[in-house]
């Protein structure tokens, strides 16, 4: 079902978004609104809303794993010695494990 004016269709069988509580709720609302507006325009939501998608992702990751996220930012922000690269790799693994622990089975 196309809208007049050349807007795109919403995906068939679109799933309701999972509510994000806490400090990320406003980022999720902004992203949802951006996606609604994108349906009326020529740009795809993936392009138009990229900055909001990234902001929401960073907020959720930081909320779930604050220490691990900070370690990655600190240790992986710039090139360095072999020791720093090794620490960066370990920090990334720790963040990955933390996020995995927060996933639903």
PDB file of N, CA and C in Angstrom:
ATOM      1  N   UNK A   1       0.817  -1.173   0.000  1.00  0.00           N
ATOM      2  CA  UNK A   1       0.000   0.000   0.000  1.00  0.00           C
ATOM      3  C   UNK A   1       0.867   1.244   0.000  1.00  0.00           C
ATOM      4  N   UNK A   2       0.895   1.893  -1.133  1.00  0.00           N
ATOM      5  CA  UNK A   2       1.714   3.090  -1.283  1.00  0.00           C
ATOM      6  C   UNK A   2       0.938   4.303  -0.833  1.00  0.00           C
ATOM      7  N   UNK A   3       1.653   5.239  -0.293  1.00  0.00           N
ATOM      8  CA  UNK A   3       1.050   6.515   0.055  1.00  0.00           C
ATOM      9  C   UNK A   3       1.183   7.432  -1.144  1.00  0.00           C
ATOM     10  N   UNK A   4       0.318   8.418  -1.226  1.00  0.00           N
ATOM     11  CA  UNK A   4       0.465   9.375  -2.310  1.00  0.00           C
ATOM     12  C   UNK A   4       1.707  10.218  -2.061  1.00  0.00           C
ATOM     13  N   UNK A   5       2.288  10.722  -3.109  1.00  0.00           N
ATOM     14  CA  UNK A   5       3.473  11.557  -2.949  1.00  0.00           C
ATOM     15  C   UNK A   5       4.766  10.777  -3.040  1.00  0.00           C
ATOM     16  N   UNK A   6       4.712   9.502  -3.405  1.00  0.00           N
ATOM     17  CA  UNK A   6       5.929   8.738  -3.627  1.00  0.00           C
ATOM     18  C   UNK A   6       6.603   8.208  -2.383  1.00  0.00           C
ATOM     19  N   UNK A   7       5.938   8.239  -1.241  1.00  0.00           N
ATOM     20  CA  UNK A   7       6.537   7.703  -0.018  1.00  0.00           C
ATOM     21  C   UNK A   7       6.676   6.194  -0.093  1.00  0.00           C
ATOM     22  N   UNK A   8       7.542   5.661   0.700  1.00  0.00           N
ATOM     23  CA  UNK A   8       7.754   4.210   0.724  1.00  0.00           C
ATOM     24  C   UNK A   8       6.734   3.526   1.620  1.00  0.00           C
ATOM     25  N   UNK A   9       6.626   2.232   1.421  1.00  0.00           N
ATOM     26  CA  UNK A   9       5.740   1.412   2.240  1.00  0.00           C
ATOM     27  C   UNK A   9       6.448   1.016   3.524  1.00  0.00           C
ATOM     28  N   UNK A  10       5.642   0.791   4.552  1.00  0.00           N
ATOM     29  CA  UNK A  10       6.198   0.214   5.771  1.00  0.00           C
ATOM     30  C   UNK A  10       6.392  -1.272   5.523  1.00  0.00           C
ATOM     31  N   UNK A  11       7.387  -1.892   6.161  1.00  0.00           N
ATOM     32  CA  UNK A  11       7.618  -3.315   5.948  1.00  0.00           C
ATOM     33  C   UNK A  11       6.402  -4.132   6.349  1.00  0.00           C
ATOM     34  N   UNK A  12       6.072  -5.118   5.533  1.00  0.00           N
ATOM     35  CA  UNK A  12       4.950  -5.993   5.853  1.00  0.00           C
ATOM     36  C   UNK A  12       5.274  -6.785   7.102  1.00  0.00           C
ATOM     37  N   UNK A  13       4.308  -6.888   7.985  1.00  0.00           N
ATOM     38  CA  UNK A  13       4.525  -7.653   9.208  1.00  0.00           C
ATOM     39  C   UNK A  13       5.564  -7.026  10.110  1.00  0.00           C
ATOM     40  N   UNK A  14       5.678  -5.692  10.047  1.00  0.00           N
ATOM     41  CA  UNK A  14       6.679  -5.008  10.862  1.00  0.00           C
ATOM     42  C   UNK A  14       6.482  -5.307  12.333  1.00  0.00           C
ATOM     43  N   UNK A  15       7.550  -5.562  13.027  1.00  0.00           N
ATOM     44  CA  UNK A  15       7.482  -5.897  14.440  1.00  0.00           C
ATOM     45  C   UNK A  15       7.531  -4.626  15.268  1.00  0.00           C
ATOM     46  N   UNK A  16       6.831  -4.635  16.382  1.00  0.00           N
ATOM     47  CA  UNK A  16       6.891  -3.508  17.299  1.00  0.00           C
ATOM     48  C   UNK A  16       8.274  -3.462  17.924  1.00  0.00           C
ATOM     49  N   UNK A  17       8.783  -2.270  18.091  1.00  0.00           N
ATOM     50  CA  UNK A  17      10.109  -2.111  18.685  1.00  0.00           C
ATOM     51  C   UNK A  17      10.055  -2.473  20.162  1.00  0.00           C
ATOM     52  N   UNK A  18      11.145  -3.008  20.652  1.00  0.00           N
ATOM     53  CA  UNK A  18      11.267  -3.312  22.069  1.00  0.00           C
ATOM     54  C   UNK A  18      11.514  -2.001  22.793  1.00  0.00           C
ATOM     55  N   UNK A  19      10.761  -1.746  23.842  1.00  0.00           N
ATOM     56  CA  UNK A  19      10.933  -0.509  24.593  1.00  0.00           C
ATOM     57  C   UNK A  19      12.278  -0.517  25.312  1.00  0.00           C
ATOM     58  N   UNK A  20      12.972   0.589  25.216  1.00  0.00           N
ATOM     59  CA  UNK A  20      14.264   0.736  25.880  1.00  0.00           C
ATOM     60  C   UNK A  20      14.047   1.638  27.089  1.00  0.00           C
ATOM     61  N   UNK A  21      14.191   1.110  28.294  1.00  0.00           N
ATOM     62  CA  UNK A  21      13.960   1.927  29.479  1.00  0.00           C
ATOM     63  C   UNK A  21      15.162   2.807  29.804  1.00  0.00           C
ATOM     64  N   UNK A  22      14.962   3.687  30.755  1.00  0.00           N
ATOM     65  CA  UNK A  22      16.075   4.454  31.303  1.00  0.00           C
ATOM     66  C   UNK A  22      16.597   5.544  30.397  1.00  0.00           C
ATOM     67  N   UNK A  23      17.899   5.771  30.470  1.00  0.00           N
ATOM     68  CA  UNK A  23      18.493   6.926  29.802  1.00  0.00           C
ATOM     69  C   UNK A  23      18.462   6.847  28.276  1.00  0.00           C
ATOM     70  N   UNK A  24      18.180   5.700  27.712  1.00  0.00           N
ATOM     71  CA  UNK A  24      18.189   5.538  26.252  1.00  0.00           C
ATOM     72  C   UNK A  24      16.801   5.699  25.633  1.00  0.00           C
ATOM     73  N   UNK A  25      15.777   5.870  26.446  1.00  0.00           N
ATOM     74  CA  UNK A  25      14.411   5.943  25.933  1.00  0.00           C
ATOM     75  C   UNK A  25      14.225   7.118  24.984  1.00  0.00           C
ATOM     76  N   UNK A  26      14.808   8.262  25.296  1.00  0.00           N
ATOM     77  CA  UNK A  26      14.637   9.423  24.415  1.00  0.00           C
ATOM     78  C   UNK A  26      15.338   9.206  23.077  1.00  0.00           C
ATOM     79  N   UNK A  27      16.478   8.531  23.082  1.00  0.00           N
ATOM     80  CA  UNK A  27      17.170   8.224  21.827  1.00  0.00           C
ATOM     81  C   UNK A  27      16.333   7.267  20.985  1.00  0.00           C
ATOM     82  N   UNK A  28      15.672   6.314  21.634  1.00  0.00           N
ATOM     83  CA  UNK A  28      14.821   5.383  20.899  1.00  0.00           C
ATOM     84  C   UNK A  28      13.614   6.107  20.303  1.00  0.00           C
ATOM     85  N   UNK A  29      13.013   7.014  21.067  1.00  0.00           N
ATOM     86  CA  UNK A  29      11.871   7.770  20.539  1.00  0.00           C
ATOM     87  C   UNK A  29      12.290   8.614  19.339  1.00  0.00           C
ATOM     88  N   UNK A  30      13.454   9.251  19.438  1.00  0.00           N
ATOM     89  CA  UNK A  30      13.945  10.071  18.326  1.00  0.00           C
ATOM     90  C   UNK A  30      14.192   9.218  17.082  1.00  0.00           C
ATOM     91  N   UNK A  31      14.746   8.031  17.265  1.00  0.00           N
ATOM     92  CA  UNK A  31      14.996   7.135  16.135  1.00  0.00           C
ATOM     93  C   UNK A  31      13.679   6.679  15.512  1.00  0.00           C
ATOM     94  N   UNK A  32      12.706   6.329  16.331  1.00  0.00           N
ATOM     95  CA  UNK A  32      11.403   5.900  15.813  1.00  0.00           C
ATOM     96  C   UNK A  32      10.740   7.027  15.026  1.00  0.00           C
ATOM     97  N   UNK A  33      10.819   8.243  15.538  1.00  0.00           N
ATOM     98  CA  UNK A  33      10.248   9.398  14.835  1.00  0.00           C
ATOM     99  C   UNK A  33      10.980   9.640  13.516  1.00  0.00           C
ATOM    100  N   UNK A  34      12.284   9.502  13.512  1.00  0.00           N
ATOM    101  CA  UNK A  34      13.067   9.662  12.287  1.00  0.00           C
ATOM    102  C   UNK A  34      12.640   8.631  11.243  1.00  0.00           C
ATOM    103  N   UNK A  35      12.432   7.393  11.673  1.00  0.00           N
ATOM    104  CA  UNK A  35      11.990   6.351  10.738  1.00  0.00           C
ATOM    105  C   UNK A  35      10.609   6.677  10.178  1.00  0.00           C
ATOM    106  N   UNK A  36       9.715   7.200  11.016  1.00  0.00           N
ATOM    107  CA  UNK A  36       8.383   7.578  10.527  1.00  0.00           C
ATOM    108  C   UNK A  36       8.495   8.687   9.486  1.00  0.00           C
ATOM    109  N   UNK A  37       9.329   9.676   9.753  1.00  0.00           N
ATOM    110  CA  UNK A  37       9.502  10.780   8.801  1.00  0.00           C
ATOM    111  C   UNK A  37      10.166  10.303   7.518  1.00  0.00           C
ATOM    112  N   UNK A  38      11.076   9.377   7.626  1.00  0.00           N
ATOM    113  CA  UNK A  38      11.795   8.881   6.445  1.00  0.00           C
ATOM    114  C   UNK A  38      10.847   8.184   5.475  1.00  0.00           C
ATOM    115  N   UNK A  39       9.776   7.616   5.983  1.00  0.00           N
ATOM    116  CA  UNK A  39       8.816   6.942   5.109  1.00  0.00           C
ATOM    117  C   UNK A  39       8.175   7.917   4.130  1.00  0.00           C
ATOM    118  N   UNK A  40       8.167   9.206   4.472  1.00  0.00           N
ATOM    119  CA  UNK A  40       7.539  10.219   3.620  1.00  0.00           C
ATOM    120  C   UNK A  40       8.522  10.871   2.655  1.00  0.00           C
ATOM    121  N   UNK A  41       9.790  10.561   2.786  1.00  0.00           N
ATOM    122  CA  UNK A  41      10.781  11.245   1.962  1.00  0.00           C
ATOM    123  C   UNK A  41      11.519  10.318   1.027  1.00  0.00           C
ATOM    124  N   UNK A  42      12.452  10.896   0.279  1.00  0.00           N
ATOM    125  CA  UNK A  42      13.181  10.109  -0.718  1.00  0.00           C
ATOM    126  C   UNK A  42      14.324   9.268  -0.148  1.00  0.00           C
ATOM    127  N   UNK A  43      14.809   9.609   1.040  1.00  0.00           N
ATOM    128  CA  UNK A  43      15.946   8.882   1.608  1.00  0.00           C
ATOM    129  C   UNK A  43      15.484   7.693   2.444  1.00  0.00           C
ATOM    130  N   UNK A  44      16.274   6.635   2.414  1.00  0.00           N
ATOM    131  CA  UNK A  44      15.976   5.461   3.232  1.00  0.00           C
ATOM    132  C   UNK A  44      16.256   5.782   4.697  1.00  0.00           C
ATOM    133  N   UNK A  45      15.496   5.164   5.614  1.00  0.00           N
ATOM    134  CA  UNK A  45      15.736   5.390   7.045  1.00  0.00           C
ATOM    135  C   UNK A  45      17.164   5.064   7.459  1.00  0.00           C
ATOM    136  N   UNK A  46      17.769   4.054   6.825  1.00  0.00           N
ATOM    137  CA  UNK A  46      19.138   3.670   7.185  1.00  0.00           C
ATOM    138  C   UNK A  46      20.113   4.814   6.939  1.00  0.00           C
ATOM    139  N   UNK A  47      19.825   5.634   5.935  1.00  0.00           N
ATOM    140  CA  UNK A  47      20.686   6.770   5.603  1.00  0.00           C
ATOM    141  C   UNK A  47      20.310   7.977   6.450  1.00  0.00           C
ATOM    142  N   UNK A  48      19.034   8.305   6.440  1.00  0.00           N
ATOM    143  CA  UNK A  48      18.559   9.511   7.106  1.00  0.00           C
ATOM    144  C   UNK A  48      18.741   9.456   8.622  1.00  0.00           C
ATOM    145  N   UNK A  49      18.599   8.283   9.209  1.00  0.00           N
ATOM    146  CA  UNK A  49      18.596   8.147  10.668  1.00  0.00           C
ATOM    147  C   UNK A  49      19.864   7.509  11.216  1.00  0.00           C
ATOM    148  N   UNK A  50      20.908   7.420  10.403  1.00  0.00           N
ATOM    149  CA  UNK A  50      22.136   6.725  10.800  1.00  0.00           C
ATOM    150  C   UNK A  50      22.700   7.268  12.114  1.00  0.00           C
ATOM    151  N   UNK A  51      22.727   8.592  12.267  1.00  0.00           N
ATOM    152  CA  UNK A  51      23.304   9.189  13.478  1.00  0.00           C
ATOM    153  C   UNK A  51      22.503   8.826  14.724  1.00  0.00           C
ATOM    154  N   UNK A  52      21.186   8.751  14.592  1.00  0.00           N
ATOM    155  CA  UNK A  52      20.351   8.391  15.742  1.00  0.00           C
ATOM    156  C   UNK A  52      20.464   6.905  16.062  1.00  0.00           C
ATOM    157  N   UNK A  53      20.598   6.089  15.033  1.00  0.00           N
ATOM    158  CA  UNK A  53      20.779   4.656  15.245  1.00  0.00           C
ATOM    159  C   UNK A  53      22.077   4.404  16.012  1.00  0.00           C
ATOM    160  N   UNK A  54      23.129   5.091  15.603  1.00  0.00           N
ATOM    161  CA  UNK A  54      24.420   4.933  16.283  1.00  0.00           C
ATOM    162  C   UNK A  54      24.343   5.436  17.728  1.00  0.00           C
ATOM    163  N   UNK A  55      23.678   6.573  17.924  1.00  0.00           N
ATOM    164  CA  UNK A  55      23.552   7.126  19.273  1.00  0.00           C
ATOM    165  C   UNK A  55      22.797   6.168  20.193  1.00  0.00           C
ATOM    166  N   UNK A  56      21.728   5.568  19.684  1.00  0.00           N
ATOM    167  CA  UNK A  56      20.968   4.608  20.494  1.00  0.00           C
ATOM    168  C   UNK A  56      21.813   3.379  20.795  1.00  0.00           C
ATOM    169  N   UNK A  57      22.513   2.878  19.800  1.00  0.00           N
ATOM    170  CA  UNK A  57      23.364   1.699  20.014  1.00  0.00           C
ATOM    171  C   UNK A  57      24.430   1.980  21.069  1.00  0.00           C
ATOM    172  N   UNK A  58      25.087   3.129  20.961  1.00  0.00           N
ATOM    173  CA  UNK A  58      26.115   3.474  21.946  1.00  0.00           C
ATOM    174  C   UNK A  58      25.523   3.630  23.341  1.00  0.00           C
ATOM    175  N   UNK A  59      24.324   4.201  23.424  1.00  0.00           N
ATOM    176  CA  UNK A  59      23.672   4.371  24.720  1.00  0.00           C
ATOM    177  C   UNK A  59      23.352   3.018  25.351  1.00  0.00           C
ATOM    178  N   UNK A  60      22.797   2.103  24.568  1.00  0.00           N
ATOM    179  CA  UNK A  60      22.427   0.782  25.096  1.00  0.00           C
ATOM    180  C   UNK A  60      23.672   0.012  25.532  1.00  0.00           C
ATOM    181  N   UNK A  61      24.706   0.030  24.695  1.00  0.00           N
ATOM    182  CA  UNK A  61      25.939  -0.690  25.033  1.00  0.00           C
ATOM    183  C   UNK A  61      26.561  -0.106  26.299  1.00  0.00           C
ATOM    184  N   UNK A  62      26.620   1.215  26.384  1.00  0.00           N
ATOM    185  CA  UNK A  62      27.204   1.865  27.560  1.00  0.00           C
ATOM    186  C   UNK A  62      26.375   1.591  28.812  1.00  0.00           C
ATOM    187  N   UNK A  63      25.055   1.549  28.667  1.00  0.00           N
ATOM    188  CA  UNK A  63      24.188   1.270  29.816  1.00  0.00           C
ATOM    189  C   UNK A  63      24.361  -0.163  30.314  1.00  0.00           C
ATOM    190  N   UNK A  64      24.526  -1.094  29.392  1.00  0.00           N
ATOM    191  CA  UNK A  64      24.673  -2.508  29.765  1.00  0.00           C
ATOM    192  C   UNK A  64      26.054  -2.817  30.329  1.00  0.00           C
ATOM    193  N   UNK A  65      27.072  -2.237  29.744  1.00  0.00           N
ATOM    194  CA  UNK A  65      28.461  -2.593  30.077  1.00  0.00           C
ATOM    195  C   UNK A  65      29.317  -1.332  30.200  1.00  0.00           C
ATOM    196  N   UNK A  66      29.063  -0.500  31.203  1.00  0.00           N
ATOM    197  CA  UNK A  66      29.774   0.786  31.280  1.00  0.00           C
ATOM    198  C   UNK A  66      31.284   0.660  31.435  1.00  0.00           C
ATOM    199  N   UNK A  67      31.744  -0.213  32.290  1.00  0.00           N
ATOM    200  CA  UNK A  67      33.182  -0.359  32.506  1.00  0.00           C
ATOM    201  C   UNK A  67      33.905  -0.895  31.287  1.00  0.00           C
ATOM    202  N   UNK A  68      33.296  -1.887  30.657  1.00  0.00           N
ATOM    203  CA  UNK A  68      33.897  -2.486  29.469  1.00  0.00           C
ATOM    204  C   UNK A  68      33.917  -1.500  28.300  1.00  0.00           C
ATOM    205  N   UNK A  69      32.844  -0.710  28.181  1.00  0.00           N
ATOM    206  CA  UNK A  69      32.790   0.292  27.114  1.00  0.00           C
ATOM    207  C   UNK A  69      33.873   1.340  27.306  1.00  0.00           C
ATOM    208  N   UNK A  70      34.032   1.802  28.521  1.00  0.00           N
ATOM    209  CA  UNK A  70      35.064   2.804  28.809  1.00  0.00           C
ATOM    210  C   UNK A  70      36.459   2.243  28.558  1.00  0.00           C
ATOM    211  N   UNK A  71      36.673   0.982  28.908  1.00  0.00           N
ATOM    212  CA  UNK A  71      37.979   0.362  28.664  1.00  0.00           C
ATOM    213  C   UNK A  71      38.290   0.326  27.169  1.00  0.00           C
ATOM    214  N   UNK A  72      37.305  -0.010  26.343  1.00  0.00           N
ATOM    215  CA  UNK A  72      37.523  -0.027  24.892  1.00  0.00           C
ATOM    216  C   UNK A  72      37.827   1.379  24.393  1.00  0.00           C
ATOM    217  N   UNK A  73      37.068   2.363  24.854  1.00  0.00           N
ATOM    218  CA  UNK A  73      37.326   3.748  24.427  1.00  0.00           C
ATOM    219  C   UNK A  73      38.732   4.191  24.810  1.00  0.00           C
ATOM    220  N   UNK A  74      39.141   3.850  26.001  1.00  0.00           N
ATOM    221  CA  UNK A  74      40.445   4.278  26.502  1.00  0.00           C
ATOM    222  C   UNK A  74      41.586   3.552  25.806  1.00  0.00           C
ATOM    223  N   UNK A  75      41.470   2.249  25.688  1.00  0.00           N
ATOM    224  CA  UNK A  75      42.587   1.443  25.192  1.00  0.00           C
ATOM    225  C   UNK A  75      42.644   1.323  23.672  1.00  0.00           C
ATOM    226  N   UNK A  76      41.525   1.559  23.002  1.00  0.00           N
ATOM    227  CA  UNK A  76      41.490   1.336  21.552  1.00  0.00           C
ATOM    228  C   UNK A  76      41.358   2.632  20.760  1.00  0.00           C
ATOM    229  N   UNK A  77      41.486   3.757  21.428  1.00  0.00           N
ATOM    230  CA  UNK A  77      41.278   5.043  20.774  1.00  0.00           C
ATOM    231  C   UNK A  77      42.388   5.472  19.846  1.00  0.00           C
ATOM    232  N   UNK A  78      43.572   4.974  20.021  1.00  0.00           N
ATOM    233  CA  UNK A  78      44.689   5.376  19.168  1.00  0.00           C
ATOM    234  C   UNK A  78      45.688   4.232  19.084  1.00  0.00           C
ATOM    235  N   UNK A  79      46.561   4.332  18.097  1.00  0.00           N
ATOM    236  CA  UNK A  79      47.598   3.307  17.943  1.00  0.00           C
ATOM    237  C   UNK A  79      48.557   3.391  19.126  1.00  0.00           C
ATOM    238  N   UNK A  80      49.238   2.320  19.380  1.00  0.00           N
ATOM    239  CA  UNK A  80      50.165   2.331  20.501  1.00  0.00           C
ATOM    240  C   UNK A  80      51.115   1.161  20.447  1.00  0.00           C
ATOM    241  N   UNK A  81      51.639   0.853  21.581  1.00  0.00           N
ATOM    242  CA  UNK A  81      52.610  -0.230  21.709  1.00  0.00           C
ATOM    243  C   UNK A  81      51.923  -1.582  21.560  1.00  0.00           C
ATOM    244  N   UNK A  82      52.725  -2.599  21.469  1.00  0.00           N
ATOM    245  CA  UNK A  82      52.186  -3.959  21.404  1.00  0.00           C
ATOM    246  C   UNK A  82      51.370  -4.262  22.654  1.00  0.00           C
ATOM    247  N   UNK A  83      51.809  -3.765  23.802  1.00  0.00           N
ATOM    248  CA  UNK A  83      51.073  -3.976  25.044  1.00  0.00           C
ATOM    249  C   UNK A  83      49.693  -3.324  24.964  1.00  0.00           C
ATOM    250  N   UNK A  84      49.641  -2.085  24.468  1.00  0.00           N
ATOM    251  CA  UNK A  84      48.360  -1.391  24.370  1.00  0.00           C
ATOM    252  C   UNK A  84      47.434  -2.098  23.380  1.00  0.00           C
ATOM    253  N   UNK A  85      47.974  -2.572  22.273  1.00  0.00           N
ATOM    254  CA  UNK A  85      47.155  -3.310  21.307  1.00  0.00           C
ATOM    255  C   UNK A  85      46.605  -4.585  21.932  1.00  0.00           C
ATOM    256  N   UNK A  86      47.412  -5.250  22.720  1.00  0.00           N
ATOM    257  CA  UNK A  86      46.972  -6.459  23.410  1.00  0.00           C
ATOM    258  C   UNK A  86      45.879  -6.129  24.429  1.00  0.00           C
ATOM    259  N   UNK A  87      46.058  -5.031  25.152  1.00  0.00           N
ATOM    260  CA  UNK A  87      45.048  -4.608  26.126  1.00  0.00           C
ATOM    261  C   UNK A  87      43.748  -4.220  25.419  1.00  0.00           C
ATOM    262  N   UNK A  88      43.866  -3.575  24.272  1.00  0.00           N
ATOM    263  CA  UNK A  88      42.692  -3.211  23.478  1.00  0.00           C
ATOM    264  C   UNK A  88      41.941  -4.465  23.050  1.00  0.00           C
ATOM    265  N   UNK A  89      42.655  -5.441  22.558  1.00  0.00           N
ATOM    266  CA  UNK A  89      42.028  -6.691  22.129  1.00  0.00           C
ATOM    267  C   UNK A  89      41.308  -7.356  23.298  1.00  0.00           C
ATOM    268  N   UNK A  90      41.924  -7.373  24.463  1.00  0.00           N
ATOM    269  CA  UNK A  90      41.311  -7.968  25.654  1.00  0.00           C
ATOM    270  C   UNK A  90      40.060  -7.183  26.054  1.00  0.00           C
ATOM    271  N   UNK A  91      40.137  -5.846  25.972  1.00  0.00           N
ATOM    272  CA  UNK A  91      38.984  -5.012  26.320  1.00  0.00           C
ATOM    273  C   UNK A  91      37.817  -5.282  25.373  1.00  0.00           C
ATOM    274  N   UNK A  92      38.105  -5.455  24.102  1.00  0.00           N
ATOM    275  CA  UNK A  92      37.048  -5.759  23.133  1.00  0.00           C
ATOM    276  C   UNK A  92      36.408  -7.111  23.423  1.00  0.00           C
ATOM    277  N   UNK A  93      37.208  -8.075  23.785  1.00  0.00           N
ATOM    278  CA  UNK A  93      36.674  -9.399  24.141  1.00  0.00           C
ATOM    279  C   UNK A  93      35.796  -9.290  25.384  1.00  0.00           C
ATOM    280  N   UNK A  94      36.268  -8.547  26.384  1.00  0.00           N
ATOM    281  CA  UNK A  94      35.478  -8.365  27.611  1.00  0.00           C
ATOM    282  C   UNK A  94      34.138  -7.697  27.308  1.00  0.00           C
ATOM    283  N   UNK A  95      34.147  -6.690  26.434  1.00  0.00           N
ATOM    284  CA  UNK A  95      32.905  -6.020  26.053  1.00  0.00           C
ATOM    285  C   UNK A  95      31.984  -6.994  25.325  1.00  0.00           C
ATOM    286  N   UNK A  96      32.528  -7.769  24.433  1.00  0.00           N
ATOM    287  CA  UNK A  96      31.736  -8.752  23.704  1.00  0.00           C
ATOM    288  C   UNK A  96      31.093  -9.763  24.655  1.00  0.00           C
ATOM    289  N   UNK A  97      31.861 -10.237  25.618  1.00  0.00           N
ATOM    290  CA  UNK A  97      31.329 -11.192  26.597  1.00  0.00           C
ATOM    291  C   UNK A  97      30.247 -10.559  27.463  1.00  0.00           C
ATOM    292  N   UNK A  98      30.446  -9.311  27.843  1.00  0.00           N
ATOM    293  CA  UNK A  98      29.443  -8.605  28.644  1.00  0.00           C
ATOM    294  C   UNK A  98      28.136  -8.475  27.860  1.00  0.00           C
ATOM    295  N   UNK A  99      28.232  -8.070  26.601  1.00  0.00           N
ATOM    296  CA  UNK A  99      27.026  -7.923  25.781  1.00  0.00           C
ATOM    297  C   UNK A  99      26.339  -9.267  25.570  1.00  0.00           C
ATOM    298  N   UNK A 100      27.129 -10.299  25.370  1.00  0.00           N
ATOM    299  CA  UNK A 100      26.566 -11.640  25.201  1.00  0.00           C
ATOM    300  C   UNK A 100      25.796 -12.059  26.451  1.00  0.00           C
ATOM    301  N   UNK A 101      26.305 -11.704  27.617  1.00  0.00           N
ATOM    302  CA  UNK A 101      25.643 -12.057  28.874  1.00  0.00           C
ATOM    303  C   UNK A 101      24.296 -11.349  29.025  1.00  0.00           C
ATOM    304  N   UNK A 102      24.110 -10.219  28.331  1.00  0.00           N
ATOM    305  CA  UNK A 102      22.860  -9.469  28.413  1.00  0.00           C
ATOM    306  C   UNK A 102      21.843  -9.874  27.352  1.00  0.00           C
ATOM    307  N   UNK A 103      22.219 -10.746  26.431  1.00  0.00           N
ATOM    308  CA  UNK A 103      21.292 -11.166  25.385  1.00  0.00           C
ATOM    309  C   UNK A 103      20.310 -12.188  25.923  1.00  0.00           C
ATOM    310  N   UNK A 104      19.106 -12.139  25.355  1.00  0.00           N
ATOM    311  CA  UNK A 104      18.111 -13.146  25.716  1.00  0.00           C
ATOM    312  C   UNK A 104      18.409 -14.416  24.938  1.00  0.00           C
ATOM    313  N   UNK A 105      18.160 -15.568  25.557  1.00  0.00           N
ATOM    314  CA  UNK A 105      18.434 -16.837  24.857  1.00  0.00           C
ATOM    315  C   UNK A 105      17.518 -17.050  23.670  1.00  0.00           C
TER     316      UNK A 105
END
